[in-house]
């Protein structure tokens, strides 16, 4: 069940209101000046995904170690983490307003003439940008990993999250023109998507508390 939740969180991160509108810009970075070079776009998109995955995996190891240090208090920690995730979900659904989570802070990266290696750096910078769309779901995944107290399982859970977030980037690099209408549909239904995404977080919080 944990793997399903983290995968859904990765997808929810991708289609969130602050990331999806920026997708054409990211894809233009991947393609560069040659806007018909699909191979280059896929290669750069893969480097981008690898970059943020590496950072996320490092964070998962730290989260697992933290969980081990507090293992004697795991009953109370599960409740604490679960409540935090539920609050994140309520914030995402706009039922409550956690102002410190709703600030966009973007990092700058060199996106001119991207290569595979530059794309890895770009992805790494992207991963540490504090945005409501990534921060909320990533935090939830890390809290779940800390609760599990298992480094290997934590790494696997974070890989699943990164796959959920990363595969759409790579697919979009290939099918951007064909996916434009789908993106428009998603944009028109942002309110529903945010409520569903928030519900996913709330369900994960409940799962963390009781299981």
C-alpha atoms as a PDB file:
ATOM      1  CA  UNK A   1       0.000   0.000   0.000  1.00  0.00           C
ATOM      2  CA  UNK A   2       2.885   2.390   0.810  1.00  0.00           C
ATOM      3  CA  UNK A   3       4.260   2.003  -2.721  1.00  0.00           C
ATOM      4  CA  UNK A   4       0.875   2.812  -4.265  1.00  0.00           C
ATOM      5  CA  UNK A   5       0.576   5.944  -2.131  1.00  0.00           C
ATOM      6  CA  UNK A   6       4.070   7.196  -2.972  1.00  0.00           C
ATOM      7  CA  UNK A   7       3.565   6.533  -6.694  1.00  0.00           C
ATOM      8  CA  UNK A   8       0.294   8.478  -6.636  1.00  0.00           C
ATOM      9  CA  UNK A   9       2.063  11.284  -4.783  1.00  0.00           C
ATOM     10  CA  UNK A  10       4.674  11.447  -7.532  1.00  0.00           C
ATOM     11  CA  UNK A  11       1.967  11.764 -10.190  1.00  0.00           C
ATOM     12  CA  UNK A  12       0.077  14.305  -8.071  1.00  0.00           C
ATOM     13  CA  UNK A  13       3.279  16.361  -7.828  1.00  0.00           C
ATOM     14  CA  UNK A  14       3.551  16.411 -11.619  1.00  0.00           C
ATOM     15  CA  UNK A  15      -0.012  17.562 -12.256  1.00  0.00           C
ATOM     16  CA  UNK A  16      -0.074  20.099  -9.437  1.00  0.00           C
ATOM     17  CA  UNK A  17      -1.093  23.684 -10.281  1.00  0.00           C
ATOM     18  CA  UNK A  18       2.359  25.206  -9.794  1.00  0.00           C
ATOM     19  CA  UNK A  19       4.278  22.634 -11.863  1.00  0.00           C
ATOM     20  CA  UNK A  20       2.088  21.678 -14.813  1.00  0.00           C
ATOM     21  CA  UNK A  21       1.791  25.213 -16.287  1.00  0.00           C
ATOM     22  CA  UNK A  22       5.601  25.363 -16.335  1.00  0.00           C
ATOM     23  CA  UNK A  23       5.936  22.091 -18.260  1.00  0.00           C
ATOM     24  CA  UNK A  24       6.201  23.633 -21.771  1.00  0.00           C
ATOM     25  CA  UNK A  25       9.040  25.826 -20.471  1.00  0.00           C
ATOM     26  CA  UNK A  26      10.880  22.813 -19.042  1.00  0.00           C
ATOM     27  CA  UNK A  27      10.408  20.910 -22.290  1.00  0.00           C
ATOM     28  CA  UNK A  28      11.741  23.880 -24.273  1.00  0.00           C
ATOM     29  CA  UNK A  29      14.861  23.713 -22.090  1.00  0.00           C
ATOM     30  CA  UNK A  30      15.218  19.994 -22.847  1.00  0.00           C
ATOM     31  CA  UNK A  31      14.827  20.490 -26.599  1.00  0.00           C
ATOM     32  CA  UNK A  32      17.015  23.599 -26.854  1.00  0.00           C
ATOM     33  CA  UNK A  33      17.375  25.458 -30.129  1.00  0.00           C
ATOM     34  CA  UNK A  34      16.621  22.398 -32.246  1.00  0.00           C
ATOM     35  CA  UNK A  35      12.905  22.064 -31.510  1.00  0.00           C
ATOM     36  CA  UNK A  36      12.560  18.899 -33.596  1.00  0.00           C
ATOM     37  CA  UNK A  37      15.280  16.890 -31.879  1.00  0.00           C
ATOM     38  CA  UNK A  38      13.158  14.431 -29.892  1.00  0.00           C
ATOM     39  CA  UNK A  39      16.164  12.256 -29.024  1.00  0.00           C
ATOM     40  CA  UNK A  40      17.919  15.204 -27.381  1.00  0.00           C
ATOM     41  CA  UNK A  41      14.740  16.142 -25.514  1.00  0.00           C
ATOM     42  CA  UNK A  42      14.336  12.612 -24.124  1.00  0.00           C
ATOM     43  CA  UNK A  43      18.020  12.428 -23.140  1.00  0.00           C
ATOM     44  CA  UNK A  44      17.891  15.764 -21.329  1.00  0.00           C
ATOM     45  CA  UNK A  45      14.558  14.914 -19.693  1.00  0.00           C
ATOM     46  CA  UNK A  46      16.108  11.644 -18.459  1.00  0.00           C
ATOM     47  CA  UNK A  47      19.066  13.568 -17.020  1.00  0.00           C
ATOM     48  CA  UNK A  48      16.649  15.966 -15.329  1.00  0.00           C
ATOM     49  CA  UNK A  49      14.737  13.067 -13.759  1.00  0.00           C
ATOM     50  CA  UNK A  50      17.996  11.411 -12.672  1.00  0.00           C
ATOM     51  CA  UNK A  51      19.120  14.671 -11.051  1.00  0.00           C
ATOM     52  CA  UNK A  52      16.110  15.087  -8.794  1.00  0.00           C
ATOM     53  CA  UNK A  53      15.968  11.334  -8.111  1.00  0.00           C
ATOM     54  CA  UNK A  54      19.532  11.354  -6.731  1.00  0.00           C
ATOM     55  CA  UNK A  55      18.694  14.185  -4.340  1.00  0.00           C
ATOM     56  CA  UNK A  56      15.447  12.506  -3.267  1.00  0.00           C
ATOM     57  CA  UNK A  57      17.265   9.219  -2.589  1.00  0.00           C
ATOM     58  CA  UNK A  58      19.792  10.988  -0.361  1.00  0.00           C
ATOM     59  CA  UNK A  59      16.894  12.570   1.538  1.00  0.00           C
ATOM     60  CA  UNK A  60      15.258   9.140   1.900  1.00  0.00           C
ATOM     61  CA  UNK A  61      18.416   7.754   3.540  1.00  0.00           C
ATOM     62  CA  UNK A  62      18.443  10.617   6.034  1.00  0.00           C
ATOM     63  CA  UNK A  63      14.740  10.057   6.711  1.00  0.00           C
ATOM     64  CA  UNK A  64      15.300   6.341   7.330  1.00  0.00           C
ATOM     65  CA  UNK A  65      18.172   7.088   9.710  1.00  0.00           C
ATOM     66  CA  UNK A  66      16.008   9.558  11.590  1.00  0.00           C
ATOM     67  CA  UNK A  67      13.311   6.917  11.919  1.00  0.00           C
ATOM     68  CA  UNK A  68      15.822   4.474  13.403  1.00  0.00           C
ATOM     69  CA  UNK A  69      16.995   7.028  15.981  1.00  0.00           C
ATOM     70  CA  UNK A  70      13.471   7.576  17.244  1.00  0.00           C
ATOM     71  CA  UNK A  71      12.317   3.951  17.004  1.00  0.00           C
ATOM     72  CA  UNK A  72      11.603   3.649  20.746  1.00  0.00           C
ATOM     73  CA  UNK A  73       8.959   6.329  20.360  1.00  0.00           C
ATOM     74  CA  UNK A  74       7.539   4.947  17.116  1.00  0.00           C
ATOM     75  CA  UNK A  75       3.940   4.696  18.394  1.00  0.00           C
ATOM     76  CA  UNK A  76       3.827   8.421  19.101  1.00  0.00           C
ATOM     77  CA  UNK A  77       5.919   9.344  16.066  1.00  0.00           C
ATOM     78  CA  UNK A  78       3.455   7.531  13.770  1.00  0.00           C
ATOM     79  CA  UNK A  79       0.624   9.599  15.186  1.00  0.00           C
ATOM     80  CA  UNK A  80       2.658  12.811  14.930  1.00  0.00           C
ATOM     81  CA  UNK A  81       3.718  12.137  11.324  1.00  0.00           C
ATOM     82  CA  UNK A  82       0.202  11.057  10.376  1.00  0.00           C
ATOM     83  CA  UNK A  83      -1.305  14.257  11.754  1.00  0.00           C
ATOM     84  CA  UNK A  84       1.252  16.352   9.852  1.00  0.00           C
ATOM     85  CA  UNK A  85       0.413  14.580   6.579  1.00  0.00           C
ATOM     86  CA  UNK A  86      -3.319  15.056   7.208  1.00  0.00           C
ATOM     87  CA  UNK A  87      -2.678  18.782   7.796  1.00  0.00           C
ATOM     88  CA  UNK A  88      -0.715  18.913   4.532  1.00  0.00           C
ATOM     89  CA  UNK A  89      -3.694  17.336   2.779  1.00  0.00           C
ATOM     90  CA  UNK A  90      -6.151  19.784   4.330  1.00  0.00           C
ATOM     91  CA  UNK A  91      -3.878  22.645   3.290  1.00  0.00           C
ATOM     92  CA  UNK A  92      -3.706  21.320  -0.261  1.00  0.00           C
ATOM     93  CA  UNK A  93      -7.501  21.103  -0.376  1.00  0.00           C
ATOM     94  CA  UNK A  94      -7.579  24.707   0.929  1.00  0.00           C
ATOM     95  CA  UNK A  95      -9.651  23.694   3.948  1.00  0.00           C
ATOM     96  CA  UNK A  96      -6.950  25.249   6.120  1.00  0.00           C
ATOM     97  CA  UNK A  97      -4.279  27.760   5.140  1.00  0.00           C
ATOM     98  CA  UNK A  98      -0.682  27.014   6.148  1.00  0.00           C
ATOM     99  CA  UNK A  99       0.895  30.179   4.779  1.00  0.00           C
ATOM    100  CA  UNK A 100       4.502  29.050   5.208  1.00  0.00           C
ATOM    101  CA  UNK A 101       3.817  26.141   2.826  1.00  0.00           C
ATOM    102  CA  UNK A 102       2.158  28.297   0.207  1.00  0.00           C
ATOM    103  CA  UNK A 103       5.150  30.362  -0.786  1.00  0.00           C
ATOM    104  CA  UNK A 104       6.911  29.670  -4.076  1.00  0.00           C
ATOM    105  CA  UNK A 105      10.670  29.821  -3.948  1.00  0.00           C
ATOM    106  CA  UNK A 106      12.426  28.921  -7.170  1.00  0.00           C
ATOM    107  CA  UNK A 107      16.131  28.247  -7.614  1.00  0.00           C
ATOM    108  CA  UNK A 108      17.947  29.352 -10.702  1.00  0.00           C
ATOM    109  CA  UNK A 109      19.866  26.977 -12.938  1.00  0.00           C
ATOM    110  CA  UNK A 110      21.798  27.270 -16.185  1.00  0.00           C
ATOM    111  CA  UNK A 111      19.315  25.964 -18.769  1.00  0.00           C
ATOM    112  CA  UNK A 112      21.014  27.282 -21.887  1.00  0.00           C
ATOM    113  CA  UNK A 113      22.094  24.578 -24.338  1.00  0.00           C
ATOM    114  CA  UNK A 114      21.385  21.742 -21.944  1.00  0.00           C
ATOM    115  CA  UNK A 115      23.390  18.538 -22.175  1.00  0.00           C
ATOM    116  CA  UNK A 116      22.735  15.317 -20.278  1.00  0.00           C
ATOM    117  CA  UNK A 117      25.139  16.340 -17.481  1.00  0.00           C
ATOM    118  CA  UNK A 118      23.718  19.867 -17.268  1.00  0.00           C
ATOM    119  CA  UNK A 119      20.251  18.341 -17.136  1.00  0.00           C
ATOM    120  CA  UNK A 120      21.269  16.298 -14.080  1.00  0.00           C
ATOM    121  CA  UNK A 121      22.352  19.536 -12.389  1.00  0.00           C
ATOM    122  CA  UNK A 122      19.101  21.202 -13.484  1.00  0.00           C
ATOM    123  CA  UNK A 123      17.119  18.334 -11.962  1.00  0.00           C
ATOM    124  CA  UNK A 124      19.102  18.571  -8.731  1.00  0.00           C
ATOM    125  CA  UNK A 125      18.379  22.292  -8.450  1.00  0.00           C
ATOM    126  CA  UNK A 126      14.715  21.648  -9.252  1.00  0.00           C
ATOM    127  CA  UNK A 127      14.507  19.080  -6.458  1.00  0.00           C
ATOM    128  CA  UNK A 128      15.517  21.568  -3.771  1.00  0.00           C
ATOM    129  CA  UNK A 129      13.206  24.329  -4.968  1.00  0.00           C
ATOM    130  CA  UNK A 130      10.620  24.912  -2.265  1.00  0.00           C
ATOM    131  CA  UNK A 131       7.257  24.894  -3.960  1.00  0.00           C
ATOM    132  CA  UNK A 132       3.855  23.893  -2.624  1.00  0.00           C
ATOM    133  CA  UNK A 133       3.478  21.254  -5.332  1.00  0.00           C
ATOM    134  CA  UNK A 134       6.709  19.373  -4.676  1.00  0.00           C
ATOM    135  CA  UNK A 135       7.244  20.247  -1.029  1.00  0.00           C
ATOM    136  CA  UNK A 136       3.907  18.953   0.194  1.00  0.00           C
ATOM    137  CA  UNK A 137       3.995  15.525  -1.440  1.00  0.00           C
ATOM    138  CA  UNK A 138       7.743  15.017  -1.005  1.00  0.00           C
ATOM    139  CA  UNK A 139       7.444  15.816   2.694  1.00  0.00           C
ATOM    140  CA  UNK A 140       4.659  13.275   3.009  1.00  0.00           C
ATOM    141  CA  UNK A 141       6.756  10.582   1.313  1.00  0.00           C
ATOM    142  CA  UNK A 142       9.743  11.351   3.554  1.00  0.00           C
ATOM    143  CA  UNK A 143       7.598  11.152   6.678  1.00  0.00           C
ATOM    144  CA  UNK A 144       6.347   7.733   5.588  1.00  0.00           C
ATOM    145  CA  UNK A 145       9.943   6.608   4.983  1.00  0.00           C
ATOM    146  CA  UNK A 146      11.001   7.817   8.452  1.00  0.00           C
ATOM    147  CA  UNK A 147       8.140   5.813   9.955  1.00  0.00           C
ATOM    148  CA  UNK A 148       9.276   2.642   8.136  1.00  0.00           C
ATOM    149  CA  UNK A 149      12.849   2.856   9.588  1.00  0.00           C
ATOM    150  CA  UNK A 150      14.206   0.695   6.770  1.00  0.00           C
ATOM    151  CA  UNK A 151      16.855   2.215   4.489  1.00  0.00           C
ATOM    152  CA  UNK A 152      16.315  -0.257   1.633  1.00  0.00           C
ATOM    153  CA  UNK A 153      12.548   0.103   1.734  1.00  0.00           C
ATOM    154  CA  UNK A 154      12.963   3.863   2.065  1.00  0.00           C
ATOM    155  CA  UNK A 155      15.099   3.978  -1.076  1.00  0.00           C
ATOM    156  CA  UNK A 156      12.578   1.836  -2.952  1.00  0.00           C
ATOM    157  CA  UNK A 157       9.697   4.045  -1.822  1.00  0.00           C
ATOM    158  CA  UNK A 158      11.544   7.152  -2.984  1.00  0.00           C
ATOM    159  CA  UNK A 159      12.338   5.484  -6.316  1.00  0.00           C
ATOM    160  CA  UNK A 160       8.629   4.813  -6.762  1.00  0.00           C
ATOM    161  CA  UNK A 161       7.858   8.454  -5.947  1.00  0.00           C
ATOM    162  CA  UNK A 162      10.499   9.615  -8.437  1.00  0.00           C
ATOM    163  CA  UNK A 163       9.098   7.279 -11.103  1.00  0.00           C
ATOM    164  CA  UNK A 164       5.633   8.719 -10.564  1.00  0.00           C
ATOM    165  CA  UNK A 165       7.018  12.234 -10.956  1.00  0.00           C
ATOM    166  CA  UNK A 166       9.660  11.480 -13.593  1.00  0.00           C
ATOM    167  CA  UNK A 167       7.983   9.293 -16.211  1.00  0.00           C
ATOM    168  CA  UNK A 168       5.460  12.011 -17.173  1.00  0.00           C
ATOM    169  CA  UNK A 169       8.375  14.397 -17.820  1.00  0.00           C
ATOM    170  CA  UNK A 170       9.976  11.952 -20.245  1.00  0.00           C
ATOM    171  CA  UNK A 171       6.676  11.130 -21.968  1.00  0.00           C
ATOM    172  CA  UNK A 172       5.894  14.836 -22.284  1.00  0.00           C
ATOM    173  CA  UNK A 173       9.257  15.482 -23.915  1.00  0.00           C
ATOM    174  CA  UNK A 174       8.202  13.111 -26.711  1.00  0.00           C
ATOM    175  CA  UNK A 175       4.513  13.940 -26.985  1.00  0.00           C
ATOM    176  CA  UNK A 176       4.276  17.610 -25.980  1.00  0.00           C
ATOM    177  CA  UNK A 177       2.199  18.687 -28.994  1.00  0.00           C
ATOM    178  CA  UNK A 178      -0.160  15.723 -28.682  1.00  0.00           C
ATOM    179  CA  UNK A 179      -0.573  16.249 -24.941  1.00  0.00           C
ATOM    180  CA  UNK A 180      -1.466  19.939 -25.083  1.00  0.00           C
ATOM    181  CA  UNK A 181      -5.204  19.262 -25.052  1.00  0.00           C
ATOM    182  CA  UNK A 182      -4.834  16.915 -22.100  1.00  0.00           C
ATOM    183  CA  UNK A 183      -2.899  19.618 -20.236  1.00  0.00           C
ATOM    184  CA  UNK A 184      -5.702  22.069 -20.988  1.00  0.00           C
ATOM    185  CA  UNK A 185      -8.238  19.634 -19.533  1.00  0.00           C
ATOM    186  CA  UNK A 186      -6.120  19.283 -16.388  1.00  0.00           C
ATOM    187  CA  UNK A 187      -5.820  23.067 -16.064  1.00  0.00           C
ATOM    188  CA  UNK A 188      -9.584  23.452 -16.341  1.00  0.00           C
ATOM    189  CA  UNK A 189     -10.040  20.947 -13.533  1.00  0.00           C
ATOM    190  CA  UNK A 190      -7.365  22.162 -11.114  1.00  0.00           C
ATOM    191  CA  UNK A 191      -9.825  22.548  -8.234  1.00  0.00           C
ATOM    192  CA  UNK A 192     -10.925  18.919  -8.520  1.00  0.00           C
ATOM    193  CA  UNK A 193      -7.333  17.739  -8.920  1.00  0.00           C
ATOM    194  CA  UNK A 194      -6.244  19.630  -5.795  1.00  0.00           C
ATOM    195  CA  UNK A 195      -9.078  18.064  -3.798  1.00  0.00           C
ATOM    196  CA  UNK A 196      -8.182  14.567  -5.022  1.00  0.00           C
ATOM    197  CA  UNK A 197      -4.487  15.197  -4.321  1.00  0.00           C
ATOM    198  CA  UNK A 198      -5.305  16.476  -0.851  1.00  0.00           C
ATOM    199  CA  UNK A 199      -7.486  13.412  -0.239  1.00  0.00           C
ATOM    200  CA  UNK A 200      -4.530  11.162  -1.147  1.00  0.00           C
ATOM    201  CA  UNK A 201      -2.466  12.922   1.524  1.00  0.00           C
ATOM    202  CA  UNK A 202      -5.224  12.605   4.115  1.00  0.00           C
ATOM    203  CA  UNK A 203      -5.626   8.882   3.404  1.00  0.00           C
ATOM    204  CA  UNK A 204      -1.869   8.395   3.725  1.00  0.00           C
ATOM    205  CA  UNK A 205      -1.914  10.225   7.049  1.00  0.00           C
ATOM    206  CA  UNK A 206      -4.680   7.985   8.337  1.00  0.00           C
ATOM    207  CA  UNK A 207      -2.749   4.928   7.084  1.00  0.00           C
ATOM    208  CA  UNK A 208       0.401   6.099   8.899  1.00  0.00           C
ATOM    209  CA  UNK A 209      -1.480   6.506  12.186  1.00  0.00           C
ATOM    210  CA  UNK A 210      -3.353   3.201  12.237  1.00  0.00           C
ATOM    211  CA  UNK A 211      -1.093   0.768  10.291  1.00  0.00           C
END
